[in-house]
Amino acid sequence: MSTKAGEVQLIVCDEPTSSLDHETGQQIMELLRSLVKQENKTLVVVTHDNRIFRFADRMAYMDDGRIIKIESSNRDFK
């Protein structure tokens, strides 16, 4: 990963699993989750891939560029 994660508190990923097979996408999300936990960072992921929703602790839904709903996923970001 080519980020200087030690220098930032917020990491934003736009479609980090797009064009990846399921297994590779899961590995990428595990890597991001590990980085977030180890470095005490905040991660924002923009995605249409519902296979990675399980990694979220909160989700915001958008329509026409506006947030229309924010909810807790009731899952731990382990």
N, C-alpha and C. Protein backbone atom coordinates (compact mmCIF):
# COMPACT_ATOMS: atom_id res chain seq x y z
N MET A 1 0.85 -1.16 0.00
CA MET A 1 0.00 0.00 0.00
C MET A 1 0.90 1.23 0.00
N SER A 2 0.63 2.14 -0.89
CA SER A 2 1.50 3.31 -1.02
C SER A 2 0.91 4.53 -0.31
N THR A 3 0.71 4.39 0.98
CA THR A 3 0.25 5.52 1.78
C THR A 3 1.20 5.69 2.95
N LYS A 4 1.31 6.89 3.40
CA LYS A 4 2.09 7.13 4.60
C LYS A 4 1.11 7.15 5.75
N ALA A 5 0.65 5.97 6.13
CA ALA A 5 -0.43 5.84 7.10
C ALA A 5 -0.08 6.43 8.45
N GLY A 6 1.19 6.50 8.77
CA GLY A 6 1.59 7.07 10.05
C GLY A 6 1.33 8.56 10.13
N GLU A 7 1.15 9.21 9.01
CA GLU A 7 0.99 10.66 8.97
C GLU A 7 -0.46 11.12 8.89
N VAL A 8 -1.39 10.22 8.68
CA VAL A 8 -2.79 10.61 8.50
C VAL A 8 -3.68 9.90 9.52
N GLN A 9 -4.82 10.50 9.82
CA GLN A 9 -5.79 9.86 10.71
C GLN A 9 -6.95 9.26 9.92
N LEU A 10 -7.16 9.76 8.71
CA LEU A 10 -8.29 9.33 7.88
C LEU A 10 -7.78 8.73 6.58
N ILE A 11 -8.23 7.52 6.28
CA ILE A 11 -7.90 6.85 5.02
C ILE A 11 -9.20 6.70 4.24
N VAL A 12 -9.22 7.18 3.00
CA VAL A 12 -10.41 7.09 2.15
C VAL A 12 -10.09 6.19 0.97
N CYS A 13 -10.92 5.17 0.76
CA CYS A 13 -10.73 4.24 -0.35
C CYS A 13 -11.98 4.26 -1.22
N ASP A 14 -11.81 4.55 -2.48
CA ASP A 14 -12.91 4.58 -3.44
C ASP A 14 -12.92 3.27 -4.22
N GLU A 15 -13.92 2.44 -3.94
CA GLU A 15 -14.09 1.15 -4.62
C GLU A 15 -12.82 0.29 -4.55
N PRO A 16 -12.30 0.01 -3.34
CA PRO A 16 -11.04 -0.73 -3.24
C PRO A 16 -11.11 -2.17 -3.72
N THR A 17 -12.32 -2.72 -3.88
CA THR A 17 -12.44 -4.11 -4.32
C THR A 17 -12.99 -4.24 -5.73
N SER A 18 -13.16 -3.12 -6.42
CA SER A 18 -13.72 -3.21 -7.78
C SER A 18 -12.77 -3.97 -8.69
N SER A 19 -13.33 -4.75 -9.56
CA SER A 19 -12.59 -5.56 -10.54
C SER A 19 -11.73 -6.64 -9.89
N LEU A 20 -11.97 -6.94 -8.63
CA LEU A 20 -11.24 -8.02 -7.96
C LEU A 20 -12.17 -9.20 -7.74
N ASP A 21 -11.59 -10.40 -7.75
CA ASP A 21 -12.39 -11.57 -7.40
C ASP A 21 -12.70 -11.52 -5.91
N HIS A 22 -13.65 -12.32 -5.48
CA HIS A 22 -14.12 -12.29 -4.09
C HIS A 22 -12.98 -12.48 -3.09
N GLU A 23 -12.16 -13.50 -3.30
CA GLU A 23 -11.07 -13.80 -2.35
C GLU A 23 -10.08 -12.64 -2.24
N THR A 24 -9.68 -12.08 -3.35
CA THR A 24 -8.73 -10.96 -3.33
C THR A 24 -9.36 -9.74 -2.68
N GLY A 25 -10.62 -9.48 -2.96
CA GLY A 25 -11.32 -8.37 -2.33
C GLY A 25 -11.37 -8.51 -0.82
N GLN A 26 -11.63 -9.72 -0.35
CA GLN A 26 -11.64 -9.98 1.09
C GLN A 26 -10.25 -9.77 1.69
N GLN A 27 -9.21 -10.18 0.98
CA GLN A 27 -7.84 -9.98 1.46
C GLN A 27 -7.51 -8.49 1.57
N ILE A 28 -7.94 -7.72 0.60
CA ILE A 28 -7.71 -6.26 0.64
C ILE A 28 -8.41 -5.66 1.85
N MET A 29 -9.65 -6.06 2.09
CA MET A 29 -10.38 -5.52 3.23
C MET A 29 -9.77 -5.96 4.56
N GLU A 30 -9.27 -7.18 4.63
CA GLU A 30 -8.58 -7.64 5.84
C GLU A 30 -7.31 -6.81 6.07
N LEU A 31 -6.58 -6.52 5.00
CA LEU A 31 -5.38 -5.68 5.11
C LEU A 31 -5.74 -4.29 5.61
N LEU A 32 -6.77 -3.70 5.05
CA LEU A 32 -7.20 -2.38 5.49
C LEU A 32 -7.67 -2.41 6.95
N ARG A 33 -8.42 -3.44 7.31
CA ARG A 33 -8.89 -3.56 8.69
C ARG A 33 -7.71 -3.68 9.65
N SER A 34 -6.72 -4.46 9.29
CA SER A 34 -5.53 -4.61 10.11
C SER A 34 -4.80 -3.28 10.29
N LEU A 35 -4.64 -2.55 9.20
CA LEU A 35 -3.98 -1.25 9.24
C LEU A 35 -4.73 -0.29 10.16
N VAL A 36 -6.03 -0.26 10.03
CA VAL A 36 -6.86 0.64 10.84
C VAL A 36 -6.72 0.31 12.32
N LYS A 37 -6.78 -0.97 12.66
CA LYS A 37 -6.68 -1.38 14.06
C LYS A 37 -5.29 -1.11 14.62
N GLN A 38 -4.24 -1.48 13.89
CA GLN A 38 -2.87 -1.32 14.38
C GLN A 38 -2.46 0.13 14.52
N GLU A 39 -2.90 0.95 13.60
CA GLU A 39 -2.45 2.35 13.56
C GLU A 39 -3.48 3.32 14.13
N ASN A 40 -4.61 2.80 14.64
CA ASN A 40 -5.67 3.63 15.22
C ASN A 40 -6.12 4.71 14.24
N LYS A 41 -6.52 4.29 13.05
CA LYS A 41 -6.95 5.19 11.98
C LYS A 41 -8.45 5.06 11.74
N THR A 42 -8.99 6.02 11.04
CA THR A 42 -10.38 5.97 10.58
C THR A 42 -10.36 5.64 9.09
N LEU A 43 -11.19 4.71 8.68
CA LEU A 43 -11.27 4.28 7.29
C LEU A 43 -12.65 4.57 6.74
N VAL A 44 -12.69 5.25 5.60
CA VAL A 44 -13.94 5.49 4.87
C VAL A 44 -13.82 4.75 3.55
N VAL A 45 -14.77 3.86 3.28
CA VAL A 45 -14.77 3.09 2.04
C VAL A 45 -16.03 3.45 1.26
N VAL A 46 -15.83 3.86 0.03
CA VAL A 46 -16.95 4.10 -0.89
C VAL A 46 -17.06 2.85 -1.76
N THR A 47 -18.23 2.22 -1.76
CA THR A 47 -18.36 0.97 -2.50
C THR A 47 -19.80 0.69 -2.91
N HIS A 48 -19.92 -0.11 -3.94
CA HIS A 48 -21.20 -0.68 -4.35
C HIS A 48 -21.18 -2.19 -4.08
N ASP A 49 -20.07 -2.70 -3.55
CA ASP A 49 -19.85 -4.13 -3.35
C ASP A 49 -20.42 -4.56 -2.00
N ASN A 50 -21.62 -5.12 -2.00
CA ASN A 50 -22.24 -5.52 -0.74
C ASN A 50 -21.54 -6.69 -0.07
N ARG A 51 -20.61 -7.33 -0.75
CA ARG A 51 -19.86 -8.43 -0.12
C ARG A 51 -18.91 -7.92 0.96
N ILE A 52 -18.60 -6.64 0.95
CA ILE A 52 -17.68 -6.13 1.97
C ILE A 52 -18.39 -5.31 3.04
N PHE A 53 -19.71 -5.26 3.00
CA PHE A 53 -20.45 -4.53 4.02
C PHE A 53 -20.16 -5.06 5.42
N ARG A 54 -19.83 -6.34 5.53
CA ARG A 54 -19.59 -6.93 6.85
C ARG A 54 -18.40 -6.30 7.57
N PHE A 55 -17.56 -5.59 6.85
CA PHE A 55 -16.40 -4.95 7.46
C PHE A 55 -16.75 -3.61 8.11
N ALA A 56 -17.93 -3.12 7.85
CA ALA A 56 -18.32 -1.77 8.31
C ALA A 56 -18.82 -1.78 9.74
N ASP A 57 -18.52 -0.68 10.46
CA ASP A 57 -19.17 -0.51 11.75
C ASP A 57 -20.29 0.53 11.64
N ARG A 58 -20.24 1.37 10.61
CA ARG A 58 -21.34 2.28 10.28
C ARG A 58 -21.41 2.41 8.76
N MET A 59 -22.63 2.63 8.27
CA MET A 59 -22.81 2.79 6.83
C MET A 59 -23.64 4.03 6.56
N ALA A 60 -23.23 4.78 5.55
CA ALA A 60 -23.99 5.94 5.09
C ALA A 60 -24.46 5.65 3.67
N TYR A 61 -25.72 5.90 3.42
CA TYR A 61 -26.30 5.67 2.10
C TYR A 61 -26.47 7.02 1.41
N MET A 62 -26.11 7.05 0.12
CA MET A 62 -26.19 8.30 -0.63
C MET A 62 -27.14 8.16 -1.82
N ASP A 63 -27.73 9.28 -2.19
CA ASP A 63 -28.58 9.36 -3.38
C ASP A 63 -28.38 10.75 -3.98
N ASP A 64 -28.03 10.80 -5.24
CA ASP A 64 -27.77 12.07 -5.92
C ASP A 64 -26.79 12.96 -5.16
N GLY A 65 -25.73 12.33 -4.62
CA GLY A 65 -24.67 13.09 -3.95
C GLY A 65 -24.98 13.54 -2.54
N ARG A 66 -26.08 13.09 -1.99
CA ARG A 66 -26.46 13.48 -0.62
C ARG A 66 -26.61 12.25 0.26
N ILE A 67 -26.16 12.39 1.49
CA ILE A 67 -26.35 11.31 2.45
C ILE A 67 -27.81 11.30 2.86
N ILE A 68 -28.45 10.16 2.68
CA ILE A 68 -29.87 10.05 3.01
C ILE A 68 -30.12 9.21 4.26
N LYS A 69 -29.11 8.45 4.68
CA LYS A 69 -29.30 7.58 5.84
C LYS A 69 -27.94 7.17 6.38
N ILE A 70 -27.81 7.17 7.70
CA ILE A 70 -26.62 6.65 8.36
C ILE A 70 -27.10 5.67 9.41
N GLU A 71 -26.48 4.50 9.43
CA GLU A 71 -26.87 3.51 10.43
C GLU A 71 -25.68 2.71 10.90
N SER A 72 -25.80 2.20 12.10
CA SER A 72 -24.80 1.29 12.64
C SER A 72 -25.02 -0.06 12.00
N SER A 73 -23.94 -0.74 11.70
CA SER A 73 -24.08 -2.06 11.10
C SER A 73 -24.27 -3.13 12.16
N ASN A 74 -24.10 -2.75 13.44
CA ASN A 74 -24.19 -3.70 14.55
C ASN A 74 -23.19 -4.83 14.41
N ARG A 75 -22.06 -4.50 13.82
CA ARG A 75 -20.96 -5.46 13.68
C ARG A 75 -19.72 -4.82 14.25
N ASP A 76 -18.89 -5.63 14.88
CA ASP A 76 -17.62 -5.13 15.38
C ASP A 76 -16.62 -5.09 14.24
N PHE A 77 -15.82 -4.04 14.20
CA PHE A 77 -14.76 -3.91 13.19
C PHE A 77 -13.52 -4.57 13.77
N LYS A 78 -13.54 -5.90 13.78
CA LYS A 78 -12.49 -6.69 14.45
C LYS A 78 -11.25 -6.78 13.60
